[in-house]
Amino acid sequence: MNCGLVIPTLNAGSNFEKLLQQINSQTLPTKKLIVDSESTDGTPELAQKFGFEVLKVQRKNFNHGATRQSALEKILPLDVIIFLTQDIFLKNETTLENLVKIFETDSEVGLSYGRQLPHSNATLEAKILREFNYPAKNQLRTFDSRKSIGMRAAMASNSFAAYKVEILQKVGGFPNVILCEDMYIAAKMLMGGYKTFYNAFAQVYHSHNYTAAQEFRRYFDIGVFHNRESWIRENFGGAGRVGKKFVYEKYSALWQDNPRECCAAFFRDVMKFLGYSLGRLEKILPRFIIKNCTMHKNFWREEV
């Protein structure tokens, strides 16, 4: 199986070398590429030392979907392409090999994504989110999975996922979207009769301690995505009972650990709701409001 690995980068920082070392120690050989958005900290030069090819793009032109599509076209021909983000660490030397095994045993699987464990500095809320979204049990999903888990059937990850190139191309490749390109592809594959796979035994360390303002901006962009790609909600529904279960588990755990954290978490959840709701209204919002709400300002340059 001919595999490629792509990492979008922007000033990847001092921890990036550790990730590059881990990649070069993997049991799975890959063709390696970074897509760099005008880093000024030596990220491209460091990646080249570790055997990566570098595709440079202007920072203002970076796009979650379109840039990944450009990387795919640059690195072809491949059977499987793996996408990572610069802020993860691999669990062990077989992480990537475990991630792609499913493609050899089930020809109908088009996407495989792995388990994300919290970084050592993760807050309790971030740890709870990782444990809920990335459980310890494998999950093979089809379009029928939506009947029991709703939109979560189309869940994936742009931080640690592998795509079977043939199927990826059949569903149209990566789209021009503000974010959530992983969910877009997963939904397209499931609706096209293919399967996706969550591999709990392929593991990386990845988490974020977002502030309330960051959560607002992130969920504003998610709202924009769901407004523009309304077909996903129409075909998969919402989070439903699964979402309510998460809210209950989160606040129960926070209350037991530190009741004051419940107030901070509630404020962040309010900001998420406000951001998402406003994002769903983006078509009628003045541009200056959008520019102050979005986390991905460069996306809107293409809208002018």
C-alpha atoms as a PDB file:
ATOM      1  CA  MET A   1       0.000   0.000   0.000  1.00  0.00           C
ATOM      2  CA  ASN A   2       1.478   3.289  -1.169  1.00  0.00           C
ATOM      3  CA  CYS A   3       0.911   5.883   1.565  1.00  0.00           C
ATOM      4  CA  GLY A   4       1.528   9.603   1.809  1.00  0.00           C
ATOM      5  CA  LEU A   5       1.498  11.937   4.797  1.00  0.00           C
ATOM      6  CA  VAL A   6       0.667  15.660   4.770  1.00  0.00           C
ATOM      7  CA  ILE A   7       0.916  18.273   7.519  1.00  0.00           C
ATOM      8  CA  PRO A   8      -0.312  21.863   7.024  1.00  0.00           C
ATOM      9  CA  THR A   9       2.070  24.135   8.942  1.00  0.00           C
ATOM     10  CA  LEU A  10       2.365  27.712  10.154  1.00  0.00           C
ATOM     11  CA  ASN A  11       5.165  28.483  12.617  1.00  0.00           C
ATOM     12  CA  ALA A  12       4.962  24.982  14.064  1.00  0.00           C
ATOM     13  CA  GLY A  13       7.140  25.888  17.045  1.00  0.00           C
ATOM     14  CA  SER A  14       9.645  24.137  19.238  1.00  0.00           C
ATOM     15  CA  ASN A  15       7.669  20.909  19.641  1.00  0.00           C
ATOM     16  CA  PHE A  16       7.482  20.248  15.913  1.00  0.00           C
ATOM     17  CA  GLU A  17      10.854  18.496  15.814  1.00  0.00           C
ATOM     18  CA  LYS A  18       9.554  15.869  18.239  1.00  0.00           C
ATOM     19  CA  LEU A  19       6.653  15.098  15.880  1.00  0.00           C
ATOM     20  CA  LEU A  20       9.015  14.857  12.894  1.00  0.00           C
ATOM     21  CA  GLN A  21      11.221  12.432  14.818  1.00  0.00           C
ATOM     22  CA  GLN A  22       8.197  10.327  15.695  1.00  0.00           C
ATOM     23  CA  ILE A  23       7.075  10.208  12.065  1.00  0.00           C
ATOM     24  CA  ASN A  24      10.495   9.048  10.919  1.00  0.00           C
ATOM     25  CA  SER A  25      10.396   6.287  13.556  1.00  0.00           C
ATOM     26  CA  GLN A  26       7.083   4.865  12.328  1.00  0.00           C
ATOM     27  CA  THR A  27       6.821   1.310  11.029  1.00  0.00           C
ATOM     28  CA  LEU A  28       4.728   2.579   8.103  1.00  0.00           C
ATOM     29  CA  PRO A  29       6.822   4.122   5.311  1.00  0.00           C
ATOM     30  CA  THR A  30       5.243   7.217   3.777  1.00  0.00           C
ATOM     31  CA  LYS A  31       5.901   9.879   1.213  1.00  0.00           C
ATOM     32  CA  LYS A  32       6.050  13.089   3.292  1.00  0.00           C
ATOM     33  CA  LEU A  33       4.882  16.631   2.542  1.00  0.00           C
ATOM     34  CA  ILE A  34       4.228  19.780   4.518  1.00  0.00           C
ATOM     35  CA  VAL A  35       2.064  22.604   3.197  1.00  0.00           C
ATOM     36  CA  ASP A  36       3.559  25.701   4.754  1.00  0.00           C
ATOM     37  CA  SER A  37       1.799  29.065   5.027  1.00  0.00           C
ATOM     38  CA  GLU A  38       4.775  31.436   5.101  1.00  0.00           C
ATOM     39  CA  SER A  39       6.296  30.306   8.414  1.00  0.00           C
ATOM     40  CA  THR A  40       8.955  32.612   9.825  1.00  0.00           C
ATOM     41  CA  ASP A  41      10.377  30.268  12.474  1.00  0.00           C
ATOM     42  CA  GLY A  42      12.253  27.845  10.233  1.00  0.00           C
ATOM     43  CA  THR A  43       9.474  25.257  10.008  1.00  0.00           C
ATOM     44  CA  PRO A  44      10.017  24.427   6.286  1.00  0.00           C
ATOM     45  CA  GLU A  45      13.780  24.068   6.684  1.00  0.00           C
ATOM     46  CA  LEU A  46      13.354  21.791   9.695  1.00  0.00           C
ATOM     47  CA  ALA A  47      10.851  19.601   7.843  1.00  0.00           C
ATOM     48  CA  GLN A  48      13.238  19.284   4.901  1.00  0.00           C
ATOM     49  CA  LYS A  49      15.954  18.000   7.241  1.00  0.00           C
ATOM     50  CA  PHE A  50      13.597  15.175   8.162  1.00  0.00           C
ATOM     51  CA  GLY A  51      12.922  14.238   4.550  1.00  0.00           C
ATOM     52  CA  PHE A  52       9.740  16.208   3.915  1.00  0.00           C
ATOM     53  CA  GLU A  53       8.940  17.861   0.622  1.00  0.00           C
ATOM     54  CA  VAL A  54       7.630  21.410   1.079  1.00  0.00           C
ATOM     55  CA  LEU A  55       4.693  22.964  -0.721  1.00  0.00           C
ATOM     56  CA  LYS A  56       4.507  26.684   0.016  1.00  0.00           C
ATOM     57  CA  VAL A  57       1.250  28.642  -0.050  1.00  0.00           C
ATOM     58  CA  GLN A  58       0.533  32.249   0.787  1.00  0.00           C
ATOM     59  CA  ARG A  59      -0.888  32.621   4.268  1.00  0.00           C
ATOM     60  CA  LYS A  60      -3.796  34.653   2.967  1.00  0.00           C
ATOM     61  CA  ASN A  61      -4.739  31.822   0.598  1.00  0.00           C
ATOM     62  CA  PHE A  62      -4.778  28.980   3.141  1.00  0.00           C
ATOM     63  CA  ASN A  63      -8.085  27.114   3.196  1.00  0.00           C
ATOM     64  CA  HIS A  64      -8.950  24.061   5.294  1.00  0.00           C
ATOM     65  CA  GLY A  65     -10.327  22.121   2.345  1.00  0.00           C
ATOM     66  CA  ALA A  66      -8.848  23.596  -0.828  1.00  0.00           C
ATOM     67  CA  THR A  67      -5.299  23.619   0.554  1.00  0.00           C
ATOM     68  CA  ARG A  68      -5.575  19.935   1.471  1.00  0.00           C
ATOM     69  CA  GLN A  69      -6.815  19.201  -2.030  1.00  0.00           C
ATOM     70  CA  SER A  70      -3.784  20.985  -3.477  1.00  0.00           C
ATOM     71  CA  ALA A  71      -1.532  18.885  -1.249  1.00  0.00           C
ATOM     72  CA  LEU A  72      -3.262  15.711  -2.381  1.00  0.00           C
ATOM     73  CA  GLU A  73      -2.735  16.595  -6.039  1.00  0.00           C
ATOM     74  CA  LYS A  74       0.907  17.475  -5.319  1.00  0.00           C
ATOM     75  CA  ILE A  75       1.722  14.166  -3.617  1.00  0.00           C
ATOM     76  CA  LEU A  76      -0.134  11.757  -5.923  1.00  0.00           C
ATOM     77  CA  PRO A  77      -0.036   8.930  -6.965  1.00  0.00           C
ATOM     78  CA  LEU A  78      -1.012   7.250  -3.690  1.00  0.00           C
ATOM     79  CA  ASP A  79      -3.329   4.568  -2.372  1.00  0.00           C
ATOM     80  CA  VAL A  80      -3.808   6.241   1.010  1.00  0.00           C
ATOM     81  CA  ILE A  81      -3.179   9.766   2.223  1.00  0.00           C
ATOM     82  CA  ILE A  82      -2.784  10.630   5.913  1.00  0.00           C
ATOM     83  CA  PHE A  83      -3.389  14.133   7.239  1.00  0.00           C
ATOM     84  CA  LEU A  84      -1.983  15.313  10.564  1.00  0.00           C
ATOM     85  CA  THR A  85      -1.858  18.711  12.228  1.00  0.00           C
ATOM     86  CA  GLN A  86       1.341  20.210  13.597  1.00  0.00           C
ATOM     87  CA  ASP A  87       0.181  20.154  17.232  1.00  0.00           C
ATOM     88  CA  ILE A  88      -0.088  16.395  17.804  1.00  0.00           C
ATOM     89  CA  PHE A  89       2.268  13.704  19.095  1.00  0.00           C
ATOM     90  CA  LEU A  90       2.107  10.076  18.028  1.00  0.00           C
ATOM     91  CA  LYS A  91       1.491   7.510  20.754  1.00  0.00           C
ATOM     92  CA  ASN A  92       3.975   4.883  19.535  1.00  0.00           C
ATOM     93  CA  GLU A  93       5.892   3.596  16.505  1.00  0.00           C
ATOM     94  CA  THR A  94       2.920   1.689  15.064  1.00  0.00           C
ATOM     95  CA  THR A  95       0.423   4.563  15.253  1.00  0.00           C
ATOM     96  CA  LEU A  96       0.238   5.200  11.509  1.00  0.00           C
ATOM     97  CA  GLU A  97       0.377   1.509  10.611  1.00  0.00           C
ATOM     98  CA  ASN A  98      -2.594   0.860  12.905  1.00  0.00           C
ATOM     99  CA  LEU A  99      -4.510   3.755  11.377  1.00  0.00           C
ATOM    100  CA  VAL A 100      -4.396   2.401   7.820  1.00  0.00           C
ATOM    101  CA  LYS A 101      -4.816  -1.346   8.473  1.00  0.00           C
ATOM    102  CA  ILE A 102      -8.562  -1.171   7.928  1.00  0.00           C
ATOM    103  CA  PHE A 103      -8.076  -0.332   4.242  1.00  0.00           C
ATOM    104  CA  GLU A 104      -6.482  -3.747   3.688  1.00  0.00           C
ATOM    105  CA  THR A 105      -9.301  -5.672   5.339  1.00  0.00           C
ATOM    106  CA  ASP A 106     -12.380  -3.736   4.184  1.00  0.00           C
ATOM    107  CA  SER A 107     -12.378  -2.281   0.685  1.00  0.00           C
ATOM    108  CA  GLU A 108     -15.512  -0.209   1.377  1.00  0.00           C
ATOM    109  CA  VAL A 109     -13.890   1.935   4.083  1.00  0.00           C
ATOM    110  CA  GLY A 110     -12.915   5.335   2.714  1.00  0.00           C
ATOM    111  CA  LEU A 111     -11.814   7.135   5.875  1.00  0.00           C
ATOM    112  CA  SER A 112     -10.096   6.039   9.065  1.00  0.00           C
ATOM    113  CA  TYR A 113      -9.430   8.296  12.030  1.00  0.00           C
ATOM    114  CA  GLY A 114      -7.873   7.514  15.371  1.00  0.00           C
ATOM    115  CA  ARG A 115      -8.172   8.161  19.056  1.00  0.00           C
ATOM    116  CA  GLN A 116      -7.033  11.494  20.503  1.00  0.00           C
ATOM    117  CA  LEU A 117      -5.673  11.508  24.022  1.00  0.00           C
ATOM    118  CA  PRO A 118      -5.371  14.788  25.970  1.00  0.00           C
ATOM    119  CA  HIS A 119      -2.012  16.536  26.260  1.00  0.00           C
ATOM    120  CA  SER A 120      -0.457  16.576  29.718  1.00  0.00           C
ATOM    121  CA  ASN A 121      -1.515  20.223  30.212  1.00  0.00           C
ATOM    122  CA  ALA A 122      -5.164  19.642  29.245  1.00  0.00           C
ATOM    123  CA  THR A 123      -7.857  21.043  31.507  1.00  0.00           C
ATOM    124  CA  LEU A 124     -10.420  18.676  33.021  1.00  0.00           C
ATOM    125  CA  GLU A 125     -13.021  19.920  30.544  1.00  0.00           C
ATOM    126  CA  ALA A 126     -10.663  19.218  27.626  1.00  0.00           C
ATOM    127  CA  LYS A 127      -9.975  15.732  29.008  1.00  0.00           C
ATOM    128  CA  ILE A 128     -13.695  14.983  29.328  1.00  0.00           C
ATOM    129  CA  LEU A 129     -14.291  16.109  25.748  1.00  0.00           C
ATOM    130  CA  ARG A 130     -11.510  13.866  24.450  1.00  0.00           C
ATOM    131  CA  GLU A 131     -12.763  10.878  26.417  1.00  0.00           C
ATOM    132  CA  PHE A 132     -16.293  11.372  25.102  1.00  0.00           C
ATOM    133  CA  ASN A 133     -15.461  12.021  21.464  1.00  0.00           C
ATOM    134  CA  TYR A 134     -12.684   9.433  21.264  1.00  0.00           C
ATOM    135  CA  PRO A 135     -13.717   6.356  23.284  1.00  0.00           C
ATOM    136  CA  ALA A 136     -11.701   3.180  23.808  1.00  0.00           C
ATOM    137  CA  LYS A 137     -13.800   1.055  21.435  1.00  0.00           C
ATOM    138  CA  ASN A 138     -13.574   0.815  17.636  1.00  0.00           C
ATOM    139  CA  GLN A 139     -16.553   1.979  15.587  1.00  0.00           C
ATOM    140  CA  LEU A 140     -17.342   1.005  11.982  1.00  0.00           C
ATOM    141  CA  ARG A 141     -19.927   3.390  10.556  1.00  0.00           C
ATOM    142  CA  THR A 142     -22.321   3.313   7.632  1.00  0.00           C
ATOM    143  CA  PHE A 143     -25.068   5.703   6.560  1.00  0.00           C
ATOM    144  CA  ASP A 144     -27.454   3.720   8.779  1.00  0.00           C
ATOM    145  CA  SER A 145     -25.387   4.717  11.821  1.00  0.00           C
ATOM    146  CA  ARG A 146     -27.161   8.072  11.749  1.00  0.00           C
ATOM    147  CA  LYS A 147     -30.297   6.355  13.062  1.00  0.00           C
ATOM    148  CA  SER A 148     -28.637   5.773  16.425  1.00  0.00           C
ATOM    149  CA  ILE A 149     -26.019   8.536  16.745  1.00  0.00           C
ATOM    150  CA  GLY A 150     -27.255  11.240  14.379  1.00  0.00           C
ATOM    151  CA  MET A 151     -24.680  13.669  13.040  1.00  0.00           C
ATOM    152  CA  ARG A 152     -21.936  11.946  15.025  1.00  0.00           C
ATOM    153  CA  ALA A 153     -22.030   9.256  12.338  1.00  0.00           C
ATOM    154  CA  ALA A 154     -20.192  11.760  10.127  1.00  0.00           C
ATOM    155  CA  MET A 155     -17.639  12.642  12.786  1.00  0.00           C
ATOM    156  CA  ALA A 156     -13.977  12.491  11.780  1.00  0.00           C
ATOM    157  CA  SER A 157     -10.848  14.545  12.468  1.00  0.00           C
ATOM    158  CA  ASN A 158      -8.531  16.730  10.429  1.00  0.00           C
ATOM    159  CA  SER A 159      -5.774  16.239  13.034  1.00  0.00           C
ATOM    160  CA  PHE A 160      -5.318  12.501  12.601  1.00  0.00           C
ATOM    161  CA  ALA A 161      -7.070  10.795   9.702  1.00  0.00           C
ATOM    162  CA  ALA A 162      -6.332   8.651   6.671  1.00  0.00           C
ATOM    163  CA  TYR A 163      -8.263   8.579   3.412  1.00  0.00           C
ATOM    164  CA  LYS A 164      -8.398   5.947   0.694  1.00  0.00           C
ATOM    165  CA  VAL A 165      -7.542   8.099  -2.299  1.00  0.00           C
ATOM    166  CA  GLU A 166      -9.727   6.262  -4.808  1.00  0.00           C
ATOM    167  CA  ILE A 167     -12.851   6.775  -2.685  1.00  0.00           C
ATOM    168  CA  LEU A 168     -11.847  10.315  -1.714  1.00  0.00           C
ATOM    169  CA  GLN A 169     -11.680  11.254  -5.372  1.00  0.00           C
ATOM    170  CA  LYS A 170     -14.994   9.542  -6.137  1.00  0.00           C
ATOM    171  CA  VAL A 171     -16.789  11.815  -3.664  1.00  0.00           C
ATOM    172  CA  GLY A 172     -15.174  14.913  -5.160  1.00  0.00           C
ATOM    173  CA  GLY A 173     -12.088  15.447  -3.021  1.00  0.00           C
ATOM    174  CA  PHE A 174     -11.676  18.120  -0.380  1.00  0.00           C
ATOM    175  CA  PRO A 175     -14.129  21.042  -0.678  1.00  0.00           C
ATOM    176  CA  ASN A 176     -13.656  24.784  -0.326  1.00  0.00           C
ATOM    177  CA  VAL A 177     -14.997  25.174   3.223  1.00  0.00           C
ATOM    178  CA  ILE A 178     -14.181  27.322   6.237  1.00  0.00           C
ATOM    179  CA  LEU A 179     -13.470  24.215   8.359  1.00  0.00           C
ATOM    180  CA  CYS A 180     -14.966  20.757   9.057  1.00  0.00           C
ATOM    181  CA  GLU A 181     -13.659  19.392   5.760  1.00  0.00           C
ATOM    182  CA  ASP A 182     -13.287  16.063   7.546  1.00  0.00           C
ATOM    183  CA  MET A 183     -17.009  15.905   8.395  1.00  0.00           C
ATOM    184  CA  TYR A 184     -17.879  16.950   4.838  1.00  0.00           C
ATOM    185  CA  ILE A 185     -15.876  14.063   3.370  1.00  0.00           C
ATOM    186  CA  ALA A 186     -17.158  11.547   5.923  1.00  0.00           C
ATOM    187  CA  ALA A 187     -20.771  12.515   5.187  1.00  0.00           C
ATOM    188  CA  LYS A 188     -20.210  12.295   1.428  1.00  0.00           C
ATOM    189  CA  MET A 189     -18.655   8.848   1.779  1.00  0.00           C
ATOM    190  CA  LEU A 190     -21.427   7.502   3.987  1.00  0.00           C
ATOM    191  CA  MET A 191     -24.127   8.854   1.687  1.00  0.00           C
ATOM    192  CA  GLY A 192     -22.261   7.315  -1.247  1.00  0.00           C
ATOM    193  CA  GLY A 193     -22.535   3.842   0.262  1.00  0.00           C
ATOM    194  CA  TYR A 194     -19.037   3.685   1.736  1.00  0.00           C
ATOM    195  CA  LYS A 195     -17.952   3.229   5.352  1.00  0.00           C
ATOM    196  CA  THR A 196     -15.824   5.168   7.821  1.00  0.00           C
ATOM    197  CA  PHE A 197     -13.856   3.725  10.716  1.00  0.00           C
ATOM    198  CA  TYR A 198     -12.902   5.039  14.134  1.00  0.00           C
ATOM    199  CA  ASN A 199      -9.773   3.191  15.271  1.00  0.00           C
ATOM    200  CA  ALA A 200      -9.354   3.380  19.036  1.00  0.00           C
ATOM    201  CA  PHE A 201      -5.980   1.622  18.860  1.00  0.00           C
ATOM    202  CA  ALA A 202      -4.333   4.203  16.611  1.00  0.00           C
ATOM    203  CA  GLN A 203      -3.613   6.980  19.070  1.00  0.00           C
ATOM    204  CA  VAL A 204      -2.176  10.487  19.221  1.00  0.00           C
ATOM    205  CA  TYR A 205      -1.963  13.197  21.855  1.00  0.00           C
ATOM    206  CA  HIS A 206      -4.039  16.230  20.878  1.00  0.00           C
ATOM    207  CA  SER A 207      -6.193  18.679  22.821  1.00  0.00           C
ATOM    208  CA  HIS A 208      -6.943  22.392  23.187  1.00  0.00           C
ATOM    209  CA  ASN A 209      -7.632  24.606  26.203  1.00  0.00           C
ATOM    210  CA  TYR A 210      -9.784  27.169  24.416  1.00  0.00           C
ATOM    211  CA  THR A 211     -10.838  30.411  26.062  1.00  0.00           C
ATOM    212  CA  ALA A 212     -14.462  31.541  25.896  1.00  0.00           C
ATOM    213  CA  ALA A 213     -13.568  33.994  23.114  1.00  0.00           C
ATOM    214  CA  GLN A 214     -11.834  31.277  21.109  1.00  0.00           C
ATOM    215  CA  GLU A 215     -14.809  28.961  21.557  1.00  0.00           C
ATOM    216  CA  PHE A 216     -17.121  31.713  20.294  1.00  0.00           C
ATOM    217  CA  ARG A 217     -15.058  32.221  17.154  1.00  0.00           C
ATOM    218  CA  ARG A 218     -14.611  28.511  16.519  1.00  0.00           C
ATOM    219  CA  TYR A 219     -18.328  27.844  16.847  1.00  0.00           C
ATOM    220  CA  PHE A 220     -19.150  30.848  14.692  1.00  0.00           C
ATOM    221  CA  ASP A 221     -17.203  29.159  11.912  1.00  0.00           C
ATOM    222  CA  ILE A 222     -18.901  25.818  12.612  1.00  0.00           C
ATOM    223  CA  GLY A 223     -22.222  27.621  12.294  1.00  0.00           C
ATOM    224  CA  VAL A 224     -21.117  29.043   8.941  1.00  0.00           C
ATOM    225  CA  PHE A 225     -20.182  25.548   7.799  1.00  0.00           C
ATOM    226  CA  HIS A 226     -23.524  24.045   8.823  1.00  0.00           C
ATOM    227  CA  ASN A 227     -25.419  26.922   7.234  1.00  0.00           C
ATOM    228  CA  ARG A 228     -23.663  26.437   3.910  1.00  0.00           C
ATOM    229  CA  GLU A 229     -23.662  22.649   4.054  1.00  0.00           C
ATOM    230  CA  SER A 230     -27.213  22.263   5.358  1.00  0.00           C
ATOM    231  CA  TRP A 231     -27.521  18.917   3.575  1.00  0.00           C
ATOM    232  CA  ILE A 232     -25.498  17.326   6.385  1.00  0.00           C
ATOM    233  CA  ARG A 233     -28.027  18.178   9.089  1.00  0.00           C
ATOM    234  CA  GLU A 234     -30.879  17.330   6.737  1.00  0.00           C
ATOM    235  CA  ASN A 235     -29.488  13.838   6.136  1.00  0.00           C
ATOM    236  CA  PHE A 236     -27.882  13.057   9.498  1.00  0.00           C
ATOM    237  CA  GLY A 237     -29.839  15.124  12.017  1.00  0.00           C
ATOM    238  CA  GLY A 238     -28.360  16.722  15.131  1.00  0.00           C
ATOM    239  CA  ALA A 239     -26.496  15.357  18.118  1.00  0.00           C
ATOM    240  CA  GLY A 240     -29.740  14.422  19.906  1.00  0.00           C
ATOM    241  CA  ARG A 241     -29.535  12.129  22.924  1.00  0.00           C
ATOM    242  CA  VAL A 242     -25.783  11.665  22.493  1.00  0.00           C
ATOM    243  CA  GLY A 243     -25.215  15.398  22.911  1.00  0.00           C
ATOM    244  CA  LYS A 244     -27.411  15.561  26.004  1.00  0.00           C
ATOM    245  CA  LYS A 245     -25.511  12.629  27.500  1.00  0.00           C
ATOM    246  CA  PHE A 246     -22.220  14.457  27.025  1.00  0.00           C
ATOM    247  CA  VAL A 247     -23.522  17.626  28.696  1.00  0.00           C
ATOM    248  CA  TYR A 248     -24.709  15.612  31.704  1.00  0.00           C
ATOM    249  CA  GLU A 249     -21.428  13.713  32.034  1.00  0.00           C
ATOM    250  CA  LYS A 250     -19.340  16.860  31.661  1.00  0.00           C
ATOM    251  CA  TYR A 251     -21.102  18.892  34.318  1.00  0.00           C
ATOM    252  CA  SER A 252     -21.298  15.931  36.691  1.00  0.00           C
ATOM    253  CA  ALA A 253     -17.532  15.443  36.484  1.00  0.00           C
ATOM    254  CA  LEU A 254     -16.782  19.165  36.771  1.00  0.00           C
ATOM    255  CA  TRP A 255     -19.068  19.538  39.788  1.00  0.00           C
ATOM    256  CA  GLN A 256     -17.362  16.677  41.599  1.00  0.00           C
ATOM    257  CA  ASP A 257     -13.893  18.063  40.876  1.00  0.00           C
ATOM    258  CA  ASN A 258     -14.469  21.792  41.361  1.00  0.00           C
ATOM    259  CA  PRO A 259     -17.962  23.362  41.407  1.00  0.00           C
ATOM    260  CA  ARG A 260     -16.550  26.730  40.324  1.00  0.00           C
ATOM    261  CA  GLU A 261     -15.406  25.129  37.062  1.00  0.00           C
ATOM    262  CA  CYS A 262     -19.044  24.493  36.221  1.00  0.00           C
ATOM    263  CA  CYS A 263     -19.631  28.245  36.014  1.00  0.00           C
ATOM    264  CA  ALA A 264     -16.656  28.756  33.698  1.00  0.00           C
ATOM    265  CA  ALA A 265     -17.724  25.804  31.542  1.00  0.00           C
ATOM    266  CA  PHE A 266     -21.287  27.109  31.388  1.00  0.00           C
ATOM    267  CA  PHE A 267     -20.035  30.506  30.217  1.00  0.00           C
ATOM    268  CA  ARG A 268     -17.953  28.822  27.486  1.00  0.00           C
ATOM    269  CA  ASP A 269     -20.993  26.787  26.424  1.00  0.00           C
ATOM    270  CA  VAL A 270     -23.082  29.964  26.215  1.00  0.00           C
ATOM    271  CA  MET A 271     -20.402  31.489  23.997  1.00  0.00           C
ATOM    272  CA  LYS A 272     -20.402  28.373  21.816  1.00  0.00           C
ATOM    273  CA  PHE A 273     -24.165  28.600  21.411  1.00  0.00           C
ATOM    274  CA  LEU A 274     -24.061  32.309  20.601  1.00  0.00           C
ATOM    275  CA  GLY A 275     -21.211  31.869  18.146  1.00  0.00           C
ATOM    276  CA  TYR A 276     -22.872  28.935  16.398  1.00  0.00           C
ATOM    277  CA  SER A 277     -26.243  30.705  16.190  1.00  0.00           C
ATOM    278  CA  LEU A 278     -24.644  33.833  14.763  1.00  0.00           C
ATOM    279  CA  GLY A 279     -22.649  31.776  12.281  1.00  0.00           C
ATOM    280  CA  ARG A 280     -25.838  30.202  10.970  1.00  0.00           C
ATOM    281  CA  LEU A 281     -26.978  33.751  10.139  1.00  0.00           C
ATOM    282  CA  GLU A 282     -23.807  34.710   8.252  1.00  0.00           C
ATOM    283  CA  LYS A 283     -25.650  35.368   4.987  1.00  0.00           C
ATOM    284  CA  ILE A 284     -27.382  38.395   6.476  1.00  0.00           C
ATOM    285  CA  LEU A 285     -24.544  39.717   8.623  1.00  0.00           C
ATOM    286  CA  PRO A 286     -22.478  42.782   7.657  1.00  0.00           C
ATOM    287  CA  ARG A 287     -18.936  41.909   6.677  1.00  0.00           C
ATOM    288  CA  PHE A 288     -17.350  43.842   9.549  1.00  0.00           C
ATOM    289  CA  ILE A 289     -19.278  41.716  12.072  1.00  0.00           C
ATOM    290  CA  ILE A 290     -18.160  38.521  10.373  1.00  0.00           C
ATOM    291  CA  LYS A 291     -14.527  39.633  10.385  1.00  0.00           C
ATOM    292  CA  ASN A 292     -14.733  40.205  14.148  1.00  0.00           C
ATOM    293  CA  CYS A 293     -16.438  36.876  14.864  1.00  0.00           C
ATOM    294  CA  THR A 294     -14.565  34.372  12.723  1.00  0.00           C
ATOM    295  CA  MET A 295     -11.489  32.375  13.712  1.00  0.00           C
ATOM    296  CA  HIS A 296     -10.480  31.960  10.046  1.00  0.00           C
ATOM    297  CA  LYS A 297     -10.304  35.474   8.654  1.00  0.00           C
ATOM    298  CA  ASN A 298      -8.470  34.458   5.492  1.00  0.00           C
ATOM    299  CA  PHE A 299     -11.459  32.408   4.326  1.00  0.00           C
ATOM    300  CA  TRP A 300     -13.472  35.570   3.852  1.00  0.00           C
ATOM    301  CA  ARG A 301     -10.958  37.130   1.488  1.00  0.00           C
ATOM    302  CA  GLU A 302     -12.316  34.790  -1.178  1.00  0.00           C
ATOM    303  CA  GLU A 303     -15.836  36.025  -0.507  1.00  0.00           C
ATOM    304  CA  VAL A 304     -15.135  39.619  -1.461  1.00  0.00           C
END
